Amino acid sequence: MKTLQQQTLWRWICVRVLALAVGSVVVIALCMWLRFAIENIWILHHMPADLRNEFVQLRSHPEANPARFHEIIDAWWGISYSDPSIASADWLTVGLLVVVIIPFIVFFGLRSARPLSVQFSHLAAAAGSVSAGNFSTRAAQVDGAPLEMSRFTQNFNAMMQQLARYERELRASHVAMAHELRSPLTAAIGRLQGMIDGVFTPEPRQLEMVMKQLQLLSRLTDELHLLSLADAGQLSLHKSVTDLAGLLHEKAAWLAPQAQSAGMALHVIADTPCPCEVDAIRLGQVVTIVMENALRYASEGGSLTASVRKTPDGYAMAFSDQGPGVAAEFLPVMFDRFTRGESSRARHSGGSGLGLSIARAICLAHGGAIHAAQGADKGLVITITLPANNSVILTRS
């Protein structure tokens, strides 16, 4: 059974068709041989001993006395023993065997083809359930199905697992999106309504509060638009040769005042030039998001170390802080949209919950990846990897 699962569809069909054809011929031939063998044994058993000895000798050398040989044949086997007529016993036997063997061929043929039919039926039923909106449906794997059908079923189930995950994420994202957009919009509308009703004086400070909420709303809209482009594979990148070490130094210098205000020291370990063909603006956005994330949530650790190194597969940029870190169960979902930790990496710090999602989308658009892990002692380590095909060699003029 395990061997059949590794056969291709063409071989699977050929093996069964040939097995049925050859098996049918062998069965018919065997039945014909048995018919003559049993008849010979029966007749020889009932012959007188002297006559049987004489016939055995004549059968070995019929040319010694052909007339006597045929006389014995006609007497004991019948005068029509060698008659080629269609109505002879031989042809009637063949016809009877064909009539008897056809049901066996049909039965075993259908039984052999059943795994293929059942697998198709499972897939059709699962597809019908999916078309009705049930993304949790899985097609059962049938033993004995051809290799292509087994792979097709496995890929179908994997696809449905992905669709179910996307559906869950989409629903959760829509709920979170509505909440995130409603908060600044409600605040702005409430403040404006208060000024219209005379509760608040329409002075610059009040208008600045409204503008702040509208800017937050605009920022959320832009971030969601970027993620939508990334999901659709339409996030455009303008690549150029960029020194990743220089990019880290640049972003660290840009964020130095913010780090000083947070009481956090920024350390960059990137002395060797690391040329890579990337979109400098987009990748710089990723670096800024990761660094600001550490400044916002891990400032109590006192330091953030950013480094870049060459790897066999390309480049790796690592950002290590000494903050409180996150729970282990939060690591797999921290790059999902609107996801925030429950401890110090929480909502009160003011993030939209989209920053790390944007960072992941940009990394994926570059053919790279981003992941997080617990630090050796404490804190969090976020690593950005870029593939080797982005690596280039800088030439000096």
Protein backbone atom coordinates (compact mmCIF):
# COMPACT_ATOMS: atom_id res chain seq x y z
CA MET A 1 0.00 0.00 0.00
CA LYS A 2 2.85 2.34 0.80
CA THR A 3 4.47 1.61 -2.60
CA LEU A 4 1.28 2.55 -4.45
CA GLN A 5 1.26 5.92 -2.73
CA GLN A 6 4.63 6.71 -4.33
CA GLN A 7 3.55 5.86 -7.90
CA THR A 8 2.79 8.54 -10.45
CA LEU A 9 -0.74 8.73 -11.87
CA TRP A 10 0.34 7.35 -15.25
CA ARG A 11 2.18 4.44 -13.66
CA TRP A 12 -0.69 3.92 -11.22
CA ILE A 13 -3.15 3.53 -14.12
CA CYS A 14 -0.78 1.43 -16.27
CA VAL A 15 -0.01 -0.99 -13.47
CA ARG A 16 -3.68 -1.64 -12.82
CA VAL A 17 -4.71 -1.91 -16.48
CA LEU A 18 -1.82 -4.24 -17.31
CA ALA A 19 -2.40 -6.26 -14.17
CA LEU A 20 -6.05 -6.76 -15.09
CA ALA A 21 -5.29 -7.60 -18.72
CA VAL A 22 -2.43 -9.99 -18.00
CA GLY A 23 -4.26 -11.47 -15.05
CA SER A 24 -7.36 -12.15 -17.14
CA VAL A 25 -5.36 -13.90 -19.87
CA VAL A 26 -3.43 -15.92 -17.32
CA VAL A 27 -6.63 -16.95 -15.55
CA ILE A 28 -8.29 -18.02 -18.81
CA ALA A 29 -5.19 -19.92 -19.93
CA LEU A 30 -4.88 -21.57 -16.53
CA CYS A 31 -8.53 -22.60 -16.60
CA MET A 32 -8.11 -24.08 -20.10
CA TRP A 33 -5.02 -25.98 -18.99
CA LEU A 34 -6.81 -27.23 -15.89
CA ARG A 35 -9.73 -28.39 -18.02
CA PHE A 36 -7.46 -30.56 -20.21
CA ALA A 37 -5.24 -31.64 -17.34
CA ILE A 38 -8.16 -32.81 -15.22
CA GLU A 39 -9.76 -34.55 -18.20
CA ASN A 40 -6.50 -36.36 -19.00
CA ILE A 41 -5.97 -37.40 -15.41
CA TRP A 42 -9.55 -38.65 -15.19
CA ILE A 43 -9.38 -40.66 -18.42
CA LEU A 44 -5.93 -42.10 -17.74
CA HIS A 45 -7.07 -43.09 -14.26
CA HIS A 46 -9.99 -45.10 -15.67
CA MET A 47 -7.98 -46.79 -18.45
CA PRO A 48 -6.92 -50.40 -18.03
CA ALA A 49 -3.30 -50.61 -16.95
CA ASP A 50 -2.13 -52.35 -20.13
CA LEU A 51 -3.94 -49.86 -22.35
CA ARG A 52 -2.59 -46.92 -20.30
CA ASN A 53 0.99 -48.18 -20.68
CA GLU A 54 0.47 -48.64 -24.40
CA PHE A 55 -0.98 -45.12 -24.77
CA VAL A 56 1.84 -43.55 -22.78
CA GLN A 57 4.38 -45.13 -25.12
CA LEU A 58 2.40 -44.09 -28.22
CA ARG A 59 2.05 -40.53 -26.91
CA SER A 60 5.82 -40.34 -26.64
CA HIS A 61 6.24 -41.74 -30.19
CA PRO A 62 2.93 -41.45 -32.11
CA GLU A 63 4.68 -42.03 -35.41
CA ALA A 64 5.27 -45.68 -34.39
CA ASN A 65 1.56 -46.51 -34.92
CA PRO A 66 -0.54 -43.40 -35.77
CA ALA A 67 -3.69 -45.41 -36.45
CA ARG A 68 -3.62 -47.08 -33.02
CA PHE A 69 -2.80 -43.74 -31.34
CA HIS A 70 -5.84 -42.02 -32.88
CA GLU A 71 -7.99 -45.06 -32.22
CA ILE A 72 -7.29 -44.78 -28.48
CA ILE A 73 -7.85 -40.98 -28.58
CA ASP A 74 -11.19 -41.36 -30.37
CA ALA A 75 -12.28 -44.15 -28.07
CA TRP A 76 -11.49 -42.45 -24.77
CA TRP A 77 -11.51 -38.73 -25.52
CA GLY A 78 -14.18 -38.69 -28.18
CA ILE A 79 -14.21 -38.40 -31.94
CA SER A 80 -14.61 -34.59 -31.74
CA TYR A 81 -11.64 -34.12 -29.45
CA SER A 82 -9.66 -32.31 -32.17
CA ASP A 83 -12.63 -30.75 -33.95
CA PRO A 84 -11.92 -27.02 -34.63
CA SER A 85 -15.63 -26.15 -34.94
CA ILE A 86 -16.94 -23.11 -33.03
CA ALA A 87 -19.40 -25.43 -31.38
CA SER A 88 -16.66 -27.70 -30.06
CA ALA A 89 -16.10 -28.16 -26.36
CA ASP A 90 -12.91 -26.09 -26.45
CA TRP A 91 -14.63 -23.02 -27.80
CA LEU A 92 -17.56 -23.47 -25.49
CA THR A 93 -15.11 -23.63 -22.58
CA VAL A 94 -13.42 -20.42 -23.71
CA GLY A 95 -16.79 -18.69 -24.01
CA LEU A 96 -17.84 -19.88 -20.59
CA LEU A 97 -14.58 -18.68 -19.07
CA VAL A 98 -14.97 -15.25 -20.65
CA VAL A 99 -18.50 -14.93 -19.32
CA VAL A 100 -17.35 -15.98 -15.85
CA ILE A 101 -14.20 -13.83 -15.80
CA ILE A 102 -15.86 -10.57 -16.90
CA PRO A 103 -17.52 -9.97 -13.50
CA PHE A 104 -14.18 -10.58 -11.82
CA ILE A 105 -12.47 -8.08 -14.14
CA VAL A 106 -15.17 -5.50 -13.48
CA PHE A 107 -15.05 -6.06 -9.72
CA PHE A 108 -11.28 -5.89 -9.37
CA GLY A 109 -11.04 -3.03 -11.87
CA LEU A 110 -13.50 -0.94 -9.89
CA ARG A 111 -11.84 -1.91 -6.65
CA SER A 112 -8.44 -0.88 -7.99
CA ALA A 113 -9.78 2.45 -9.22
CA ARG A 114 -11.69 3.12 -6.02
CA PRO A 115 -8.85 4.99 -4.18
CA LEU A 116 -8.65 7.46 -7.09
CA SER A 117 -12.42 7.91 -7.17
CA VAL A 118 -12.73 8.25 -3.40
CA GLN A 119 -9.90 10.81 -3.29
CA PHE A 120 -11.61 12.87 -5.98
CA SER A 121 -14.88 12.61 -4.07
CA HIS A 122 -13.24 13.87 -0.86
CA LEU A 123 -11.68 16.78 -2.72
CA ALA A 124 -14.96 17.66 -4.45
CA ALA A 125 -16.85 17.57 -1.15
CA ALA A 126 -14.19 19.69 0.56
CA ALA A 127 -14.22 22.20 -2.31
CA GLY A 128 -18.00 22.43 -2.08
CA SER A 129 -17.79 23.09 1.64
CA VAL A 130 -15.16 25.77 1.08
CA SER A 131 -17.30 27.46 -1.59
CA ALA A 132 -20.01 27.69 1.07
CA GLY A 133 -17.60 29.62 3.30
CA ASN A 134 -16.33 26.85 5.60
CA PHE A 135 -12.56 27.36 5.52
CA SER A 136 -11.94 24.80 8.25
CA THR A 137 -12.74 21.94 5.86
CA ARG A 138 -10.02 19.40 5.15
CA ALA A 139 -9.98 16.63 2.54
CA ALA A 140 -9.28 13.17 3.95
CA GLN A 141 -6.20 11.37 2.66
CA VAL A 142 -7.02 8.02 1.00
CA ASP A 143 -4.57 5.11 1.23
CA GLY A 144 -3.54 3.74 -2.14
CA ALA A 145 -4.19 6.92 -4.11
CA PRO A 146 -1.59 7.89 -6.76
CA LEU A 147 1.27 10.19 -5.85
CA GLU A 148 -0.16 13.22 -7.70
CA MET A 149 -3.50 12.89 -5.92
CA SER A 150 -1.80 12.51 -2.53
CA ARG A 151 0.28 15.63 -3.15
CA PHE A 152 -2.75 17.50 -4.48
CA THR A 153 -4.71 16.62 -1.34
CA GLN A 154 -1.84 17.68 0.92
CA ASN A 155 -1.47 20.99 -0.93
CA PHE A 156 -5.24 21.52 -0.83
CA ASN A 157 -5.31 21.02 2.93
CA ALA A 158 -2.29 23.29 3.37
CA MET A 159 -4.01 25.94 1.25
CA MET A 160 -7.17 25.68 3.34
CA GLN A 161 -5.12 25.98 6.52
CA GLN A 162 -3.60 29.19 5.17
CA LEU A 163 -7.00 30.52 4.10
CA ALA A 164 -8.45 29.76 7.53
CA ARG A 165 -5.55 31.60 9.16
CA TYR A 166 -5.97 34.55 6.79
CA GLU A 167 -9.70 34.63 7.53
CA ARG A 168 -9.07 34.71 11.28
CA GLU A 169 -6.44 37.40 10.88
CA LEU A 170 -8.69 39.41 8.57
CA ARG A 171 -11.59 39.32 11.00
CA ALA A 172 -9.38 40.27 13.91
CA SER A 173 -7.73 42.95 11.80
CA HIS A 174 -11.06 44.44 10.78
CA VAL A 175 -12.24 44.62 14.37
CA ALA A 176 -8.96 46.17 15.50
CA MET A 177 -8.92 48.52 12.51
CA ALA A 178 -12.41 49.81 13.28
CA HIS A 179 -11.40 50.38 16.89
CA GLU A 180 -8.14 52.14 16.01
CA LEU A 181 -9.77 54.44 13.45
CA ARG A 182 -12.76 55.15 15.67
CA SER A 183 -10.66 56.39 18.62
CA PRO A 184 -9.03 59.48 17.00
CA LEU A 185 -12.13 60.16 14.91
CA THR A 186 -14.38 60.12 17.97
CA ALA A 187 -11.95 62.34 19.88
CA ALA A 188 -11.79 64.88 17.04
CA ILE A 189 -15.57 64.90 16.53
CA GLY A 190 -16.18 65.25 20.27
CA ARG A 191 -13.75 68.16 20.56
CA LEU A 192 -15.24 69.95 17.52
CA GLN A 193 -18.79 69.34 18.78
CA GLY A 194 -17.77 70.81 22.14
CA MET A 195 -16.49 73.95 20.43
CA ILE A 196 -19.70 74.20 18.36
CA ASP A 197 -21.82 73.84 21.51
CA GLY A 198 -19.70 76.39 23.34
CA VAL A 199 -18.30 73.89 25.85
CA PHE A 200 -14.77 74.58 24.60
CA THR A 201 -13.41 77.87 23.36
CA PRO A 202 -12.19 77.57 19.73
CA GLU A 203 -8.69 78.66 20.62
CA PRO A 204 -5.39 77.41 19.08
CA ARG A 205 -4.82 74.86 21.86
CA GLN A 206 -8.20 73.24 21.23
CA LEU A 207 -7.64 73.27 17.48
CA GLU A 208 -4.21 71.70 17.96
CA MET A 209 -5.81 68.85 19.89
CA VAL A 210 -8.23 68.26 17.01
CA MET A 211 -5.38 68.46 14.48
CA LYS A 212 -3.37 65.91 16.49
CA GLN A 213 -6.22 63.40 16.31
CA LEU A 214 -6.70 64.02 12.59
CA GLN A 215 -2.97 63.55 11.99
CA LEU A 216 -3.12 60.28 13.90
CA LEU A 217 -6.05 59.23 11.74
CA SER A 218 -4.14 60.17 8.58
CA ARG A 219 -1.11 58.22 9.78
CA LEU A 220 -3.19 55.14 10.45
CA THR A 221 -4.74 55.40 7.00
CA ASP A 222 -1.32 55.67 5.33
CA GLU A 223 0.00 52.69 7.29
CA LEU A 224 -3.01 50.56 6.39
CA HIS A 225 -2.61 51.57 2.75
CA LEU A 226 1.04 50.47 2.82
CA LEU A 227 0.11 47.11 4.34
CA SER A 228 -2.62 46.63 1.72
CA LEU A 229 -0.10 47.25 -1.07
CA ALA A 230 2.31 44.79 0.55
CA ASP A 231 -0.38 42.11 0.90
CA ALA A 232 -1.26 42.54 -2.78
CA GLY A 233 2.41 42.34 -3.80
CA GLN A 234 2.25 45.92 -5.13
CA LEU A 235 4.65 47.59 -2.71
CA SER A 236 7.07 49.33 -5.06
CA LEU A 237 10.75 49.40 -4.13
CA HIS A 238 13.37 51.75 -5.56
CA LYS A 239 16.55 49.82 -4.94
CA SER A 240 20.04 51.20 -4.96
CA VAL A 241 23.38 50.15 -3.50
CA THR A 242 23.23 51.09 0.17
CA ASP A 243 25.77 50.60 2.95
CA LEU A 244 23.83 48.93 5.75
CA ALA A 245 26.45 49.96 8.29
CA GLY A 246 26.08 53.60 7.24
CA LEU A 247 22.29 53.25 7.40
CA LEU A 248 22.48 52.09 11.02
CA HIS A 249 24.80 54.96 11.98
CA GLU A 250 22.50 57.45 10.25
CA LYS A 251 19.35 56.25 12.01
CA ALA A 252 21.14 56.07 15.36
CA ALA A 253 22.26 59.69 14.98
CA TRP A 254 18.73 60.71 14.00
CA LEU A 255 17.21 59.04 17.06
CA ALA A 256 19.97 60.14 19.46
CA PRO A 257 17.95 63.06 20.96
CA GLN A 258 14.95 60.78 21.51
CA ALA A 259 17.20 58.13 23.08
CA GLN A 260 18.78 60.75 25.35
CA SER A 261 15.34 61.90 26.49
CA ALA A 262 14.43 58.30 27.27
CA GLY A 263 17.67 57.79 29.15
CA MET A 264 18.82 55.12 26.71
CA ALA A 265 22.24 54.65 25.11
CA LEU A 266 22.45 53.65 21.45
CA HIS A 267 25.38 51.48 20.36
CA VAL A 268 26.09 50.64 16.73
CA ILE A 269 28.46 47.78 15.91
CA ALA A 270 29.02 48.19 12.19
CA ASP A 271 32.50 49.35 11.22
CA THR A 272 32.91 47.33 8.02
CA PRO A 273 30.97 48.55 4.96
CA CYS A 274 28.08 46.24 4.13
CA PRO A 275 26.90 47.09 0.60
CA CYS A 276 23.46 45.78 -0.28
CA GLU A 277 20.97 46.61 -3.02
CA VAL A 278 17.86 47.72 -1.15
CA ASP A 279 15.31 50.50 -1.03
CA ALA A 280 17.18 52.77 1.39
CA ILE A 281 14.08 54.75 2.36
CA ARG A 282 11.92 51.69 3.04
CA LEU A 283 14.67 49.78 4.86
CA GLY A 284 15.46 52.92 6.83
CA GLN A 285 11.81 52.98 7.81
CA VAL A 286 12.18 49.42 9.14
CA VAL A 287 15.28 50.34 11.16
CA THR A 288 13.51 53.40 12.58
CA ILE A 289 10.45 51.34 13.55
CA VAL A 290 12.55 48.74 15.35
CA MET A 291 14.68 51.33 17.15
CA GLU A 292 11.68 53.45 18.16
CA ASN A 293 9.96 50.30 19.35
CA ALA A 294 12.91 49.63 21.67
CA LEU A 295 13.03 53.26 22.83
CA ARG A 296 9.33 53.18 23.60
CA TYR A 297 9.10 49.83 25.36
CA ALA A 298 12.60 48.96 26.60
CA SER A 299 14.06 52.27 27.75
CA GLU A 300 14.32 51.00 31.34
CA GLY A 301 16.98 48.60 30.10
CA GLY A 302 19.27 51.54 29.48
CA SER A 303 20.81 50.46 26.17
CA LEU A 304 20.07 49.37 22.62
CA THR A 305 22.71 47.71 20.47
CA ALA A 306 22.35 47.60 16.67
CA SER A 307 24.72 45.53 14.54
CA VAL A 308 25.06 44.21 11.00
CA ARG A 309 27.10 41.25 9.80
CA LYS A 310 27.68 39.25 6.65
CA THR A 311 26.13 35.78 6.58
CA PRO A 312 26.36 32.92 4.06
CA ASP A 313 22.85 33.85 2.91
CA GLY A 314 23.29 37.63 2.79
CA TYR A 315 23.23 40.11 5.68
CA ALA A 316 21.74 40.10 9.17
CA MET A 317 20.90 43.22 11.16
CA ALA A 318 20.31 42.64 14.88
CA PHE A 319 18.78 44.99 17.47
CA SER A 320 19.23 43.94 21.08
CA ASP A 321 17.77 45.78 24.08
CA GLN A 322 17.93 45.13 27.81
CA GLY A 323 14.28 45.85 28.57
CA PRO A 324 11.69 43.58 30.19
CA GLY A 325 11.19 41.59 26.98
CA VAL A 326 7.94 39.89 26.08
CA ALA A 327 6.21 36.64 26.96
CA ALA A 328 7.28 33.61 24.92
CA GLU A 329 3.75 33.08 23.59
CA PHE A 330 3.72 36.66 22.27
CA LEU A 331 6.78 36.21 20.02
CA PRO A 332 4.98 34.39 17.15
CA VAL A 333 2.28 37.08 16.86
CA MET A 334 4.12 40.29 17.67
CA PHE A 335 4.46 41.16 13.96
CA ASP A 336 0.72 40.79 13.32
CA ARG A 337 -1.40 43.89 12.82
CA PHE A 338 -2.65 45.74 15.90
CA THR A 339 -0.79 43.37 18.20
CA ARG A 340 0.55 44.71 21.49
CA GLY A 341 2.09 43.04 24.50
CA GLU A 342 0.30 42.90 27.80
CA SER A 343 3.20 44.09 29.95
CA SER A 344 5.45 47.07 29.39
CA ARG A 345 5.03 46.77 25.63
CA ALA A 346 1.42 47.87 25.95
CA ARG A 347 -1.07 50.26 24.50
CA HIS A 348 -0.45 53.08 26.99
CA SER A 349 2.83 53.87 25.23
CA GLY A 350 0.93 55.23 22.27
CA GLY A 351 1.80 52.88 19.39
CA SER A 352 -0.72 52.07 16.69
CA GLY A 353 0.15 48.37 16.66
CA LEU A 354 1.09 48.56 12.96
CA GLY A 355 4.78 49.43 13.13
CA LEU A 356 6.20 45.92 13.31
CA SER A 357 3.65 44.72 10.74
CA ILE A 358 4.95 47.38 8.35
CA ALA A 359 8.53 46.35 9.12
CA ARG A 360 7.73 42.73 8.28
CA ALA A 361 5.94 43.73 5.06
CA ILE A 362 8.95 45.76 3.87
CA CYS A 363 11.38 42.97 4.76
CA LEU A 364 9.29 40.43 2.87
CA ALA A 365 9.13 42.77 -0.13
CA HIS A 366 12.94 42.71 -0.15
CA GLY A 367 12.89 38.91 -0.09
CA GLY A 368 14.11 38.91 3.50
CA ALA A 369 12.55 38.32 6.89
CA ILE A 370 12.30 39.71 10.40
CA HIS A 371 11.89 37.75 13.61
CA ALA A 372 12.15 38.28 17.35
CA ALA A 373 13.67 36.17 20.10
CA GLN A 374 14.33 36.46 23.81
CA GLY A 375 17.68 37.92 24.76
CA ALA A 376 20.38 35.76 26.34
CA ASP A 377 19.87 37.34 29.77
CA LYS A 378 16.88 39.61 29.30
CA GLY A 379 15.37 41.94 26.78
CA LEU A 380 14.47 41.29 23.17
CA VAL A 381 16.52 40.65 20.03
CA ILE A 382 14.96 41.55 16.68
CA THR A 383 16.85 40.30 13.64
CA ILE A 384 16.40 41.46 10.03
CA THR A 385 17.78 39.17 7.32
CA LEU A 386 18.35 40.16 3.71
CA PRO A 387 19.05 37.56 1.01
CA ALA A 388 22.37 37.11 -0.76
CA ASN A 389 20.97 38.25 -4.11
CA ASN A 390 20.71 41.74 -2.61
CA SER A 391 24.40 41.74 -1.73
CA VAL A 392 26.77 43.62 -4.03
CA ILE A 393 30.46 44.43 -4.13
CA LEU A 394 31.45 48.06 -3.80
CA THR A 395 34.16 49.25 -6.16
CA ARG A 396 36.38 52.16 -5.38
CA SER A 397 36.82 54.88 -7.97
